[in-house]
Amino acid sequence: MHRHRARTCALWGGSVAFALLHAGVIVAVVHAIGLGLPASRVAMAHLVASGAAALLPTPGGLGSLDAALVLALTAVGAPGPAAVSAVLGYRLLTGWLPMAPGLLALALLARRSAL
């Protein structure tokens, strides 16, 4: 893999972009809730929580990432209930909302094959 520079750049670039985009989502949710936390602290909290959640692997990070992210947000100054709300919003935007286009495509494909 590392012999091909383009593939290596795509691999590492995609990994970094994924982490930064997810950090951007939690920053946006925290901002939308109005917590007033600095974006750099929230992004760093997400990166630390992601690293901690990797120690306890679960499918999609469900549970371990959520708990670590709530703990990290409270550590940077968010009240507990607001941190839970931010994590629920984060999960809605990164986990549940992307499923809608897939469900629509599945319904269309099922309908076409039924005809």
C-alpha atoms as a PDB file:
ATOM      1  CA  MET A   1       0.000   0.000   0.000  1.00  0.00           C
ATOM      2  CA  HIS A   2       2.721   2.477   0.947  1.00  0.00           C
ATOM      3  CA  ARG A   3       4.516   1.895  -2.343  1.00  0.00           C
ATOM      4  CA  HIS A   4       1.766   3.824  -4.125  1.00  0.00           C
ATOM      5  CA  ARG A   5       1.903   7.425  -2.999  1.00  0.00           C
ATOM      6  CA  ALA A   6      -1.594   8.318  -4.242  1.00  0.00           C
ATOM      7  CA  ARG A   7      -3.168   5.429  -2.347  1.00  0.00           C
ATOM      8  CA  THR A   8      -1.258   6.295   0.803  1.00  0.00           C
ATOM      9  CA  CYS A   9      -2.326   9.938   0.593  1.00  0.00           C
ATOM     10  CA  ALA A  10      -5.934   8.904   0.001  1.00  0.00           C
ATOM     11  CA  LEU A  11      -5.845   6.528   2.969  1.00  0.00           C
ATOM     12  CA  TRP A  12      -4.319   8.980   5.423  1.00  0.00           C
ATOM     13  CA  GLY A  13      -6.194  11.962   4.011  1.00  0.00           C
ATOM     14  CA  GLY A  14      -9.503  10.162   4.343  1.00  0.00           C
ATOM     15  CA  SER A  15      -8.759   9.160   7.914  1.00  0.00           C
ATOM     16  CA  VAL A  16      -7.821  12.693   8.904  1.00  0.00           C
ATOM     17  CA  ALA A  17     -10.809  14.175   7.050  1.00  0.00           C
ATOM     18  CA  PHE A  18     -13.188  11.739   8.767  1.00  0.00           C
ATOM     19  CA  ALA A  19     -11.936  12.724  12.218  1.00  0.00           C
ATOM     20  CA  LEU A  20     -12.010  16.445  11.412  1.00  0.00           C
ATOM     21  CA  LEU A  21     -15.491  16.309   9.914  1.00  0.00           C
ATOM     22  CA  HIS A  22     -16.865  14.495  12.950  1.00  0.00           C
ATOM     23  CA  ALA A  23     -15.150  17.008  15.224  1.00  0.00           C
ATOM     24  CA  GLY A  24     -16.739  19.751  13.123  1.00  0.00           C
ATOM     25  CA  VAL A  25     -20.176  18.214  13.631  1.00  0.00           C
ATOM     26  CA  ILE A  26     -19.853  18.164  17.422  1.00  0.00           C
ATOM     27  CA  VAL A  27     -18.519  21.732  17.350  1.00  0.00           C
ATOM     28  CA  ALA A  28     -21.554  22.796  15.299  1.00  0.00           C
ATOM     29  CA  VAL A  29     -23.973  21.008  17.629  1.00  0.00           C
ATOM     30  CA  VAL A  30     -22.361  22.548  20.720  1.00  0.00           C
ATOM     31  CA  HIS A  31     -22.556  25.960  19.057  1.00  0.00           C
ATOM     32  CA  ALA A  32     -26.212  25.390  18.081  1.00  0.00           C
ATOM     33  CA  ILE A  33     -27.096  24.503  21.664  1.00  0.00           C
ATOM     34  CA  GLY A  34     -25.435  27.722  22.772  1.00  0.00           C
ATOM     35  CA  LEU A  35     -22.934  26.356  25.259  1.00  0.00           C
ATOM     36  CA  GLY A  36     -20.333  28.990  24.437  1.00  0.00           C
ATOM     37  CA  LEU A  37     -17.397  26.580  24.560  1.00  0.00           C
ATOM     38  CA  PRO A  38     -14.365  27.322  22.369  1.00  0.00           C
ATOM     39  CA  ALA A  39     -14.378  25.278  19.162  1.00  0.00           C
ATOM     40  CA  SER A  40     -10.786  24.177  19.707  1.00  0.00           C
ATOM     41  CA  ARG A  41     -11.624  22.672  23.111  1.00  0.00           C
ATOM     42  CA  VAL A  42     -14.688  20.884  21.777  1.00  0.00           C
ATOM     43  CA  ALA A  43     -12.741  19.501  18.812  1.00  0.00           C
ATOM     44  CA  MET A  44      -9.944  18.343  21.092  1.00  0.00           C
ATOM     45  CA  ALA A  45     -12.514  16.777  23.447  1.00  0.00           C
ATOM     46  CA  HIS A  46     -13.928  14.842  20.502  1.00  0.00           C
ATOM     47  CA  LEU A  47     -10.512  13.629  19.394  1.00  0.00           C
ATOM     48  CA  VAL A  48      -9.605  12.545  22.943  1.00  0.00           C
ATOM     49  CA  ALA A  49     -12.981  10.833  23.398  1.00  0.00           C
ATOM     50  CA  SER A  50     -12.569   9.021  20.067  1.00  0.00           C
ATOM     51  CA  GLY A  51      -9.168   7.784  21.131  1.00  0.00           C
ATOM     52  CA  ALA A  52     -10.489   6.633  24.494  1.00  0.00           C
ATOM     53  CA  ALA A  53     -13.487   4.930  22.887  1.00  0.00           C
ATOM     54  CA  ALA A  54     -11.158   2.995  20.592  1.00  0.00           C
ATOM     55  CA  LEU A  55      -9.837   1.190  23.663  1.00  0.00           C
ATOM     56  CA  LEU A  56     -13.261  -0.400  24.129  1.00  0.00           C
ATOM     57  CA  PRO A  57     -14.293  -1.391  20.616  1.00  0.00           C
ATOM     58  CA  THR A  58     -18.003  -1.475  19.975  1.00  0.00           C
ATOM     59  CA  PRO A  59     -19.820  -1.414  16.624  1.00  0.00           C
ATOM     60  CA  GLY A  60     -19.774   2.186  15.403  1.00  0.00           C
ATOM     61  CA  GLY A  61     -18.481   3.327  18.770  1.00  0.00           C
ATOM     62  CA  LEU A  62     -22.030   3.141  20.134  1.00  0.00           C
ATOM     63  CA  GLY A  63     -22.007   3.539  23.867  1.00  0.00           C
ATOM     64  CA  SER A  64     -18.293   3.883  24.457  1.00  0.00           C
ATOM     65  CA  LEU A  65     -17.872   6.972  22.257  1.00  0.00           C
ATOM     66  CA  ASP A  66     -21.053   8.496  23.618  1.00  0.00           C
ATOM     67  CA  ALA A  67     -19.989   8.086  27.239  1.00  0.00           C
ATOM     68  CA  ALA A  68     -16.456   9.284  26.534  1.00  0.00           C
ATOM     69  CA  LEU A  69     -17.751  12.291  24.617  1.00  0.00           C
ATOM     70  CA  VAL A  70     -20.152  13.296  27.403  1.00  0.00           C
ATOM     71  CA  LEU A  71     -17.329  12.973  29.911  1.00  0.00           C
ATOM     72  CA  ALA A  72     -14.952  14.986  27.692  1.00  0.00           C
ATOM     73  CA  LEU A  73     -17.510  17.746  27.115  1.00  0.00           C
ATOM     74  CA  THR A  74     -18.192  18.059  30.819  1.00  0.00           C
ATOM     75  CA  ALA A  75     -14.432  18.216  31.391  1.00  0.00           C
ATOM     76  CA  VAL A  76     -14.157  21.227  29.078  1.00  0.00           C
ATOM     77  CA  GLY A  77     -16.979  23.053  30.841  1.00  0.00           C
ATOM     78  CA  ALA A  78     -20.330  21.857  29.521  1.00  0.00           C
ATOM     79  CA  PRO A  79     -23.096  21.119  32.047  1.00  0.00           C
ATOM     80  CA  GLY A  80     -24.013  17.429  32.180  1.00  0.00           C
ATOM     81  CA  PRO A  81     -27.504  17.626  30.611  1.00  0.00           C
ATOM     82  CA  ALA A  82     -26.237  19.933  27.859  1.00  0.00           C
ATOM     83  CA  ALA A  83     -23.358  17.546  27.126  1.00  0.00           C
ATOM     84  CA  VAL A  84     -25.818  14.664  26.791  1.00  0.00           C
ATOM     85  CA  SER A  85     -27.966  16.783  24.459  1.00  0.00           C
ATOM     86  CA  ALA A  86     -24.930  17.655  22.353  1.00  0.00           C
ATOM     87  CA  VAL A  87     -23.946  13.994  22.041  1.00  0.00           C
ATOM     88  CA  LEU A  88     -27.498  13.011  21.088  1.00  0.00           C
ATOM     89  CA  GLY A  89     -27.506  15.722  18.414  1.00  0.00           C
ATOM     90  CA  TYR A  90     -24.114  14.534  17.206  1.00  0.00           C
ATOM     91  CA  ARG A  91     -25.376  10.967  16.943  1.00  0.00           C
ATOM     92  CA  LEU A  92     -28.505  12.104  15.124  1.00  0.00           C
ATOM     93  CA  LEU A  93     -26.442  13.940  12.514  1.00  0.00           C
ATOM     94  CA  THR A  94     -23.664  11.379  12.089  1.00  0.00           C
ATOM     95  CA  GLY A  95     -25.500   8.115  12.621  1.00  0.00           C
ATOM     96  CA  TRP A  96     -29.219   8.312  12.060  1.00  0.00           C
ATOM     97  CA  LEU A  97     -29.692  11.069   9.491  1.00  0.00           C
ATOM     98  CA  PRO A  98     -27.329   9.492   6.913  1.00  0.00           C
ATOM     99  CA  MET A  99     -29.504   6.379   6.975  1.00  0.00           C
ATOM    100  CA  ALA A 100     -32.457   8.221   5.388  1.00  0.00           C
ATOM    101  CA  PRO A 101     -31.044   8.310   1.820  1.00  0.00           C
ATOM    102  CA  GLY A 102     -30.097   4.654   2.132  1.00  0.00           C
ATOM    103  CA  LEU A 103     -33.589   3.706   3.237  1.00  0.00           C
ATOM    104  CA  LEU A 104     -35.061   5.689   0.352  1.00  0.00           C
ATOM    105  CA  ALA A 105     -32.756   3.948  -2.123  1.00  0.00           C
ATOM    106  CA  LEU A 106     -33.644   0.566  -0.625  1.00  0.00           C
ATOM    107  CA  ALA A 107     -37.360   1.306  -0.946  1.00  0.00           C
ATOM    108  CA  LEU A 108     -36.933   2.356  -4.591  1.00  0.00           C
ATOM    109  CA  LEU A 109     -34.892  -0.736  -5.415  1.00  0.00           C
ATOM    110  CA  ALA A 110     -37.378  -3.018  -3.672  1.00  0.00           C
ATOM    111  CA  ARG A 111     -40.244  -1.408  -5.530  1.00  0.00           C
ATOM    112  CA  ARG A 112     -38.469  -1.796  -8.907  1.00  0.00           C
ATOM    113  CA  SER A 113     -37.709  -5.459  -8.305  1.00  0.00           C
ATOM    114  CA  ALA A 114     -41.312  -6.099  -7.205  1.00  0.00           C
ATOM    115  CA  LEU A 115     -42.717  -4.757 -10.475  1.00  0.00           C
END
